[in-house]
N, C-alpha and C. Protein backbone atom coordinates (compact mmCIF):
# COMPACT_ATOMS: atom_id res chain seq x y z
N UNK A 1 -97.00 102.84 9.86
CA UNK A 1 -95.58 102.19 10.04
C UNK A 1 -95.83 101.17 8.59
N UNK A 2 -95.17 101.85 7.69
CA UNK A 2 -95.20 101.03 6.47
C UNK A 2 -94.18 100.02 6.15
N UNK A 3 -94.68 99.11 5.48
CA UNK A 3 -93.74 97.68 5.39
C UNK A 3 -93.18 97.74 4.21
N UNK A 4 -91.82 97.30 3.59
CA UNK A 4 -91.52 97.38 2.48
C UNK A 4 -91.86 96.43 2.07
N UNK A 5 -91.49 95.60 0.85
CA UNK A 5 -92.05 94.82 -0.05
C UNK A 5 -91.12 93.31 0.37
N UNK A 6 -90.18 93.59 0.84
CA UNK A 6 -89.36 92.32 1.41
C UNK A 6 -90.14 92.01 2.50
N UNK A 7 -90.52 92.64 3.31
CA UNK A 7 -91.09 92.47 4.79
C UNK A 7 -92.49 92.06 4.58
N UNK A 8 -93.01 92.43 3.77
CA UNK A 8 -94.48 91.94 3.31
C UNK A 8 -94.64 90.29 2.83
N UNK A 9 -93.43 90.27 1.97
CA UNK A 9 -93.05 88.76 1.57
C UNK A 9 -92.83 87.92 2.76
N UNK A 10 -92.17 88.41 3.87
CA UNK A 10 -91.65 87.69 4.88
C UNK A 10 -93.17 87.34 5.54
N UNK A 11 -93.83 88.26 5.90
CA UNK A 11 -95.07 88.00 6.59
C UNK A 11 -95.79 86.99 6.01
N UNK A 12 -96.10 86.99 4.59
CA UNK A 12 -96.92 86.28 3.56
C UNK A 12 -96.33 84.89 4.10
N UNK A 13 -94.83 84.74 3.92
CA UNK A 13 -94.18 83.69 4.15
C UNK A 13 -94.58 82.85 5.51
N UNK A 14 -94.34 83.82 6.31
CA UNK A 14 -94.68 82.89 7.92
C UNK A 14 -96.00 82.67 7.95
N UNK A 15 -96.92 83.44 7.19
CA UNK A 15 -98.37 82.88 7.55
C UNK A 15 -98.98 81.81 6.69
N UNK A 16 -98.20 81.39 5.51
CA UNK A 16 -98.07 80.27 4.95
C UNK A 16 -97.57 79.11 5.47
N UNK A 17 -96.36 79.31 6.23
CA UNK A 17 -95.83 78.20 7.03
C UNK A 17 -97.01 77.69 8.33
N UNK A 18 -97.33 78.86 8.73
CA UNK A 18 -98.11 78.59 9.77
C UNK A 18 -99.77 77.62 9.43
N UNK A 19 -100.13 78.22 8.25
CA UNK A 19 -101.21 77.84 7.81
C UNK A 19 -100.66 76.26 7.16
N UNK A 20 -99.69 75.73 6.27
CA UNK A 20 -99.14 74.66 5.90
C UNK A 20 -98.99 73.39 7.22
N UNK A 21 -98.71 74.20 8.57
CA UNK A 21 -98.38 73.56 9.94
C UNK A 21 -99.52 73.08 10.20
N UNK A 22 -100.75 73.77 10.03
CA UNK A 22 -102.14 73.52 10.42
C UNK A 22 -102.57 72.42 9.55
N UNK A 23 -102.79 72.65 8.30
CA UNK A 23 -103.00 71.54 7.32
C UNK A 23 -102.39 70.36 7.57
N UNK A 24 -101.33 70.23 8.04
CA UNK A 24 -100.48 68.77 8.28
C UNK A 24 -100.79 68.37 9.27
N UNK A 25 -101.27 69.26 10.52
CA UNK A 25 -101.43 68.64 11.53
C UNK A 25 -102.85 68.14 11.83
N UNK A 26 -103.80 68.85 10.88
CA UNK A 26 -105.18 68.11 10.59
C UNK A 26 -105.19 66.98 10.13
N UNK A 27 -104.26 66.94 9.04
CA UNK A 27 -104.18 65.69 8.07
C UNK A 27 -103.67 64.42 8.85
N UNK A 28 -102.76 64.67 9.30
CA UNK A 28 -102.36 63.76 10.57
C UNK A 28 -103.06 63.01 11.16
N UNK A 29 -104.19 63.85 12.23
CA UNK A 29 -105.27 63.74 12.79
C UNK A 29 -106.36 62.83 12.78
N UNK A 30 -106.44 63.33 11.10
CA UNK A 30 -107.67 62.61 10.42
C UNK A 30 -107.06 61.23 9.79
N UNK A 31 -105.93 60.77 9.76
CA UNK A 31 -105.50 59.70 8.90
C UNK A 31 -105.51 58.33 10.02
N UNK A 32 -105.59 57.48 9.52
CA UNK A 32 -105.54 56.26 10.60
C UNK A 32 -104.14 56.47 11.09
N UNK A 33 -103.83 55.95 12.36
CA UNK A 33 -102.77 55.77 12.94
C UNK A 33 -101.88 54.38 12.49
N UNK A 34 -100.34 54.99 12.20
CA UNK A 34 -99.77 53.86 11.65
C UNK A 34 -99.13 53.21 12.83
N UNK A 35 -99.00 52.06 12.82
CA UNK A 35 -98.25 51.29 14.00
C UNK A 35 -97.07 50.95 13.11
N UNK A 36 -96.27 51.10 14.16
CA UNK A 36 -94.51 50.88 14.05
C UNK A 36 -94.49 49.32 14.39
N UNK A 37 -93.68 48.79 13.33
CA UNK A 37 -93.66 47.45 13.48
C UNK A 37 -92.11 47.41 14.52
N UNK A 38 -92.10 46.46 15.43
CA UNK A 38 -91.23 46.36 16.10
C UNK A 38 -89.94 45.08 16.13
N UNK A 39 -88.96 45.13 15.44
CA UNK A 39 -88.54 44.09 15.30
C UNK A 39 -87.47 43.84 16.50
N UNK A 40 -87.93 42.43 17.11
CA UNK A 40 -87.07 42.16 18.67
C UNK A 40 -85.72 41.46 18.13
N UNK A 41 -84.72 41.39 18.86
CA UNK A 41 -83.33 41.00 18.93
C UNK A 41 -83.60 39.31 18.91
N UNK A 42 -84.26 39.08 20.02
CA UNK A 42 -84.47 37.55 20.46
C UNK A 42 -86.17 37.42 20.73
N UNK A 43 -86.51 36.61 19.97
CA UNK A 43 -88.07 36.38 20.06
C UNK A 43 -88.52 35.96 21.21
N UNK A 44 -89.72 36.42 21.49
CA UNK A 44 -90.36 36.20 22.61
C UNK A 44 -90.17 34.51 23.43
N UNK A 45 -90.51 33.56 22.36
CA UNK A 45 -90.23 32.31 22.59
C UNK A 45 -88.99 31.81 23.08
N UNK A 46 -87.87 32.26 22.18
CA UNK A 46 -86.80 32.31 22.60
C UNK A 46 -86.21 33.02 23.97
N UNK A 47 -86.90 33.77 24.45
CA UNK A 47 -86.63 34.62 25.74
C UNK A 47 -87.34 33.52 26.89
N UNK A 48 -88.52 32.71 26.42
CA UNK A 48 -88.98 31.87 27.32
C UNK A 48 -88.19 30.51 27.56
N UNK A 49 -87.84 30.33 26.46
CA UNK A 49 -86.60 28.99 26.65
C UNK A 49 -85.33 29.53 27.31
N UNK A 50 -85.04 30.54 27.17
CA UNK A 50 -83.54 30.95 27.87
C UNK A 50 -83.76 31.30 29.15
N UNK A 51 -85.28 31.75 29.50
CA UNK A 51 -85.39 31.82 31.08
C UNK A 51 -85.67 30.58 31.79
N UNK A 52 -86.16 29.34 31.03
CA UNK A 52 -86.45 28.34 31.46
C UNK A 52 -85.08 27.50 32.03
N UNK A 53 -84.21 27.66 30.94
CA UNK A 53 -82.75 27.02 30.81
C UNK A 53 -81.91 27.80 32.18
N UNK A 54 -81.98 28.92 32.22
CA UNK A 54 -80.96 29.52 33.40
C UNK A 54 -81.81 29.14 34.65
N UNK A 55 -83.19 29.04 34.71
CA UNK A 55 -83.93 28.57 35.75
C UNK A 55 -83.12 27.00 36.07
N UNK A 56 -83.27 26.10 35.52
CA UNK A 56 -83.07 24.90 35.45
C UNK A 56 -81.40 24.80 35.81
N UNK A 57 -80.33 25.56 35.06
CA UNK A 57 -79.08 25.46 35.47
C UNK A 57 -78.77 26.05 36.91
N UNK A 58 -79.85 26.98 37.44
CA UNK A 58 -79.47 27.85 38.82
C UNK A 58 -80.13 26.62 39.69
N UNK A 59 -80.86 25.67 39.52
CA UNK A 59 -81.40 24.96 40.45
C UNK A 59 -80.19 23.58 40.59
N UNK A 60 -79.63 23.22 39.42
CA UNK A 60 -78.87 22.43 39.73
C UNK A 60 -77.47 22.77 40.40
N UNK A 61 -76.76 24.19 40.11
CA UNK A 61 -75.61 24.97 40.75
C UNK A 61 -76.21 24.81 42.20
N UNK A 62 -77.45 25.42 42.43
CA UNK A 62 -77.54 25.28 44.01
C UNK A 62 -77.82 23.83 44.68
N UNK A 63 -78.20 23.12 43.99
CA UNK A 63 -78.15 21.31 44.49
C UNK A 63 -76.74 21.20 44.46
N UNK A 64 -75.77 21.53 43.66
CA UNK A 64 -74.40 21.22 43.80
C UNK A 64 -73.84 21.58 44.70
N UNK A 65 -73.82 23.09 44.75
CA UNK A 65 -73.19 23.45 45.92
C UNK A 65 -73.81 23.32 47.52
N UNK A 66 -75.02 23.38 47.40
CA UNK A 66 -75.58 22.99 48.74
C UNK A 66 -75.35 21.64 49.44
N UNK A 67 -75.02 20.55 48.16
CA UNK A 67 -74.71 19.33 48.85
C UNK A 67 -73.25 19.05 49.10
N UNK A 68 -72.64 19.48 48.19
CA UNK A 68 -71.00 19.31 47.92
C UNK A 68 -70.32 20.38 48.79
N UNK A 69 -70.57 21.27 49.01
CA UNK A 69 -69.99 22.54 49.67
C UNK A 69 -70.28 22.95 51.44
N UNK A 70 -72.00 23.12 51.12
CA UNK A 70 -72.60 23.08 52.49
C UNK A 70 -72.61 21.75 53.15
N UNK A 71 -72.68 20.59 52.20
CA UNK A 71 -73.18 19.57 53.18
C UNK A 71 -72.02 18.37 53.48
N UNK A 72 -70.83 18.95 52.90
CA UNK A 72 -69.69 18.08 52.90
C UNK A 72 -69.84 16.79 52.33
N UNK A 73 -70.54 16.48 51.13
CA UNK A 73 -70.50 15.59 50.50
C UNK A 73 -69.91 15.59 49.28
N UNK A 74 -69.79 14.47 48.19
CA UNK A 74 -68.88 14.40 47.05
C UNK A 74 -69.57 15.11 46.21
N UNK A 75 -69.13 16.30 45.18
CA UNK A 75 -69.67 16.76 44.20
C UNK A 75 -70.14 15.63 43.03
N UNK A 76 -69.77 14.69 42.98
CA UNK A 76 -69.88 13.61 41.96
C UNK A 76 -71.26 12.87 42.60
N UNK A 77 -71.41 12.85 43.95
CA UNK A 77 -72.45 12.13 44.45
C UNK A 77 -73.74 13.17 44.24
N UNK A 78 -74.14 14.37 43.97
CA UNK A 78 -75.09 15.17 44.01
C UNK A 78 -76.17 14.86 43.03
N UNK A 79 -76.01 14.61 42.01
CA UNK A 79 -76.93 13.87 41.19
C UNK A 79 -76.96 12.21 40.75
N UNK A 80 -76.55 11.71 41.75
CA UNK A 80 -77.04 10.27 41.94
C UNK A 80 -78.57 10.02 42.31
N UNK A 81 -78.91 9.05 41.91
CA UNK A 81 -80.86 8.42 42.41
C UNK A 81 -80.54 8.27 43.84
N UNK A 82 -79.37 7.55 44.33
CA UNK A 82 -79.29 6.97 45.39
C UNK A 82 -79.49 8.33 46.78
N UNK A 83 -78.85 9.21 46.23
CA UNK A 83 -78.70 10.28 47.18
C UNK A 83 -80.17 11.37 47.17
N UNK A 84 -80.86 11.29 46.16
CA UNK A 84 -81.92 12.05 46.34
C UNK A 84 -82.90 11.16 47.03
N UNK A 85 -83.13 9.51 46.72
CA UNK A 85 -83.93 8.63 47.65
C UNK A 85 -83.60 9.01 48.80
N UNK A 86 -82.31 8.94 49.50
CA UNK A 86 -81.82 9.11 50.71
C UNK A 86 -82.63 10.40 51.28
N UNK A 87 -82.47 11.62 50.89
CA UNK A 87 -82.75 12.92 51.31
C UNK A 87 -84.30 12.69 51.07
N UNK A 88 -85.18 12.32 50.18
CA UNK A 88 -86.50 12.52 50.53
C UNK A 88 -86.75 11.19 51.55
N UNK A 89 -86.48 10.05 52.20
CA UNK A 89 -86.27 9.43 53.30
C UNK A 89 -86.45 10.16 54.47
N UNK A 90 -85.14 11.00 54.58
CA UNK A 90 -84.96 11.62 55.79
C UNK A 90 -86.02 12.83 55.81
N UNK A 91 -86.56 13.25 55.07
CA UNK A 91 -87.64 14.43 54.83
C UNK A 91 -89.08 13.69 55.09
N UNK A 92 -89.64 12.52 54.79
CA UNK A 92 -90.57 11.80 54.80
C UNK A 92 -90.40 10.97 56.31
N UNK A 93 -89.52 10.85 56.81
CA UNK A 93 -89.33 10.02 58.04
C UNK A 93 -89.93 10.89 59.33
N UNK A 94 -90.51 9.86 60.09
CA UNK A 94 -91.91 10.88 61.19
C UNK A 94 -90.58 10.40 62.41
């Protein structure tokens, strides 16, 4: 079965494309790996500070709810020194 000239050219171009792909793949394997630079929206130090602040707010909100809602105390008394001194004395009392 004879190939006409356009078919022969097509076969050549296919072979050329395959060879170019092989060369590109080999050159990529031999090249040093490029490291992609990642730009973060929030830097790590800002994330750590945000987590610490969220934890502090959570503890304060928990103390407020625990003392005023569950413990039937005044919300304004939650953060007074006398209140916490009394709580520590109750805990340490034998």
